[in-house]
Protein backbone atom coordinates (compact mmCIF):
# COMPACT_ATOMS: atom_id res chain seq x y z
CA UNK A 1 9.75 -8.81 17.58
CA UNK A 2 7.73 -8.11 14.83
CA UNK A 3 7.99 -6.82 11.42
CA UNK A 4 5.79 -4.33 10.14
CA UNK A 5 5.96 -2.17 7.06
CA UNK A 6 5.25 1.27 6.20
CA UNK A 7 2.65 0.18 3.72
CA UNK A 8 0.68 -2.13 6.09
CA UNK A 9 0.65 0.96 8.46
CA UNK A 10 -0.70 3.39 5.81
CA UNK A 11 -3.05 0.85 4.72
CA UNK A 12 -4.45 0.36 8.40
CA UNK A 13 -4.43 4.05 8.81
CA UNK A 14 -6.94 4.41 5.76
CA UNK A 15 -8.69 1.69 6.89
CA UNK A 16 -9.57 3.24 10.31
CA UNK A 17 -10.36 6.65 8.40
CA UNK A 18 -12.89 4.98 5.96
CA UNK A 19 -14.18 2.44 8.00
CA UNK A 20 -16.69 1.44 5.39
CA UNK A 21 -14.00 0.54 2.83
CA UNK A 22 -12.78 -2.88 2.53
CA UNK A 23 -10.32 -2.73 -0.07
CA UNK A 24 -7.18 -0.33 0.11
CA UNK A 25 -4.31 0.45 -2.83
CA UNK A 26 -1.40 2.00 -1.10
CA UNK A 27 1.34 4.22 -2.99
CA UNK A 28 3.93 6.09 -1.60
CA UNK A 29 5.82 8.21 -3.94
CA UNK A 30 9.40 6.21 -4.04
CA UNK A 31 10.67 9.27 -6.50
CA UNK A 32 12.55 8.33 -9.85
CA UNK A 33 8.97 7.57 -11.45
CA UNK A 34 8.04 5.09 -9.06
CA UNK A 35 6.02 3.74 -6.43
CA UNK A 36 6.09 1.51 -3.29
CA UNK A 37 2.75 -0.30 -3.73
CA UNK A 38 0.47 -2.85 -2.29
CA UNK A 39 -3.06 -3.82 -2.50
CA UNK A 40 -4.89 -4.83 0.90
CA UNK A 41 -8.11 -5.84 1.82
CA UNK A 42 -10.06 -5.62 5.26
CA UNK A 43 -9.85 -9.10 6.50
CA UNK A 44 -11.82 -10.70 9.55
CA UNK A 45 -11.82 -8.47 12.66
CA UNK A 46 -10.57 -5.64 10.62
CA UNK A 47 -6.87 -7.57 10.17
CA UNK A 48 -5.13 -6.58 7.00
CA UNK A 49 -5.11 -8.84 4.16
CA UNK A 50 -2.20 -8.37 1.23
CA UNK A 51 -3.75 -9.09 -1.93
CA UNK A 52 -0.23 -8.35 -3.57
CA UNK A 53 3.45 -8.47 -3.03
CA UNK A 54 4.87 -5.00 -1.62
CA UNK A 55 6.85 -3.55 -4.87
CA UNK A 56 8.31 -0.67 -6.11
CA UNK A 57 7.22 0.08 -9.47
CA UNK A 58 6.28 2.99 -12.16
CA UNK A 59 2.56 3.45 -11.60
CA UNK A 60 1.77 2.57 -15.09
CA UNK A 61 3.30 -1.04 -14.63
CA UNK A 62 1.16 -1.97 -11.71
CA UNK A 63 -1.91 -3.87 -12.83
CA UNK A 64 -4.86 -3.43 -10.46
CA UNK A 65 -7.08 -5.68 -12.13
CA UNK A 66 -4.55 -8.77 -10.93
CA UNK A 67 -5.43 -8.24 -7.64
CA UNK A 68 -8.93 -6.60 -7.65
CA UNK A 69 -11.88 -8.80 -8.05
CA UNK A 70 -15.08 -7.87 -9.59
CA UNK A 71 -16.39 -7.58 -6.19
CA UNK A 72 -13.62 -5.23 -4.97
CA UNK A 73 -14.18 -3.09 -8.16
CA UNK A 74 -17.90 -2.37 -7.17
CA UNK A 75 -17.26 -1.37 -3.24
CA UNK A 76 -15.26 1.12 -1.77
CA UNK A 77 -11.69 1.25 -2.04
CA UNK A 78 -9.27 3.71 -0.83
CA UNK A 79 -5.99 4.89 -2.48
CA UNK A 80 -3.81 6.08 0.34
CA UNK A 81 -0.38 7.77 0.11
CA UNK A 82 1.72 10.04 -1.45
CA UNK A 83 2.46 8.33 -4.68
CA UNK A 84 -1.37 9.04 -5.88
CA UNK A 85 -0.90 12.93 -6.42
CA UNK A 86 2.53 12.77 -7.29
CA UNK A 87 1.68 10.35 -10.50
CA UNK A 88 -2.08 11.72 -10.98
CA UNK A 89 -2.00 11.31 -14.78
CA UNK A 90 -0.37 7.58 -14.81
CA UNK A 91 -2.93 6.37 -11.79
CA UNK A 92 -5.95 8.17 -13.54
CA UNK A 93 -5.38 6.07 -17.07
CA UNK A 94 -5.41 2.94 -14.81
CA UNK A 95 -8.46 3.66 -12.70
CA UNK A 96 -10.09 4.45 -16.13
CA UNK A 97 -9.51 0.91 -17.53
CA UNK A 98 -10.84 -0.61 -14.18
CA UNK A 99 -14.07 2.06 -13.98
CA UNK A 100 -13.49 2.35 -10.26
CA UNK A 101 -16.18 4.10 -9.45
CA UNK A 102 -16.18 3.92 -5.56
CA UNK A 103 -12.80 5.66 -4.77
CA UNK A 104 -12.11 7.73 -1.79
CA UNK A 105 -8.58 9.51 -1.43
CA UNK A 106 -6.30 9.40 1.47
CA UNK A 107 -3.21 10.53 -0.27
CA UNK A 108 -2.93 12.97 2.75
CA UNK A 109 -2.02 10.21 5.24
CA UNK A 110 1.61 9.15 6.04
CA UNK A 111 2.34 5.83 8.21
CA UNK A 112 2.37 6.95 11.77
CA UNK A 113 4.30 5.50 14.76
CA UNK A 114 0.55 5.08 16.82
CA UNK A 115 -0.83 3.09 13.85
CA UNK A 116 2.42 0.85 13.99
CA UNK A 117 2.18 0.39 17.46
CA UNK A 118 -1.39 -0.65 17.12
CA UNK A 119 -0.36 -3.21 14.07
CA UNK A 120 2.61 -4.65 16.57
CA UNK A 121 0.16 -5.50 19.21
CA UNK A 122 -2.26 -7.13 17.27
CA UNK A 123 0.70 -9.32 15.92
CA UNK A 124 2.12 -10.04 19.36
CA UNK A 125 -1.21 -11.02 20.82
CA UNK A 126 -1.63 -13.67 17.75
CA UNK A 127 1.97 -14.77 18.44
CA UNK A 128 3.73 -13.86 15.19
CA UNK A 129 6.72 -13.16 16.72
CA UNK A 130 10.13 -12.99 15.00
CA UNK A 131 13.44 -13.85 16.63
CA UNK A 132 15.50 -10.94 16.39
CA UNK A 133 18.19 -12.87 14.85
CA UNK A 134 15.75 -13.68 12.01
CA UNK A 135 14.49 -10.10 11.48
CA UNK A 136 15.33 -8.68 8.29
CA UNK A 137 14.92 -5.26 6.90
CA UNK A 138 12.63 -5.35 3.51
CA UNK A 139 14.44 -3.27 0.47
CA UNK A 140 12.17 -3.08 -2.34
CA UNK A 141 14.64 -0.90 -4.27
CA UNK A 142 18.22 -1.81 -4.51
CA UNK A 143 19.13 0.86 -6.82
CA UNK A 144 18.63 4.07 -4.75
CA UNK A 145 19.87 6.67 -7.50
CA UNK A 146 19.95 6.66 -11.41
CA UNK A 147 23.03 7.32 -12.80
CA UNK A 148 23.52 10.60 -15.24
CA UNK A 149 23.31 8.35 -18.51
CA UNK A 150 19.86 6.83 -17.15
CA UNK A 151 18.24 10.23 -16.35
CA UNK A 152 15.85 11.65 -18.81
């Protein structure tokens, strides 16, 4: 078995659509004013290289400059996923601080099984297998709802 995340699938789809891009910022709307986020670089042989940990966070708490080098900021970056239009104001504030001039939007993309199967096949070819008894789901959020007292 192999393990693949929705954010990886989304990044691969963005790289497939924008082949000239070398970096992808994935953001899936996690509701509760948060996004599931991970930054990726297109590595050798079009393999994904995560630049950050997968996380769930308010967009305003994500420090893009922590993962994007000066080289990355000046190259084509794709922002992919439903988290970008959902929190457009928050992201725009972050974009302004970095002066990201070469952003392409792929907010209409959603992870597909076809891309997941392609990523899985590549992992199998490389021998990156996980024994079934060792396979664990990754939950980025343990709290799935806010109590009434926590809601605004």
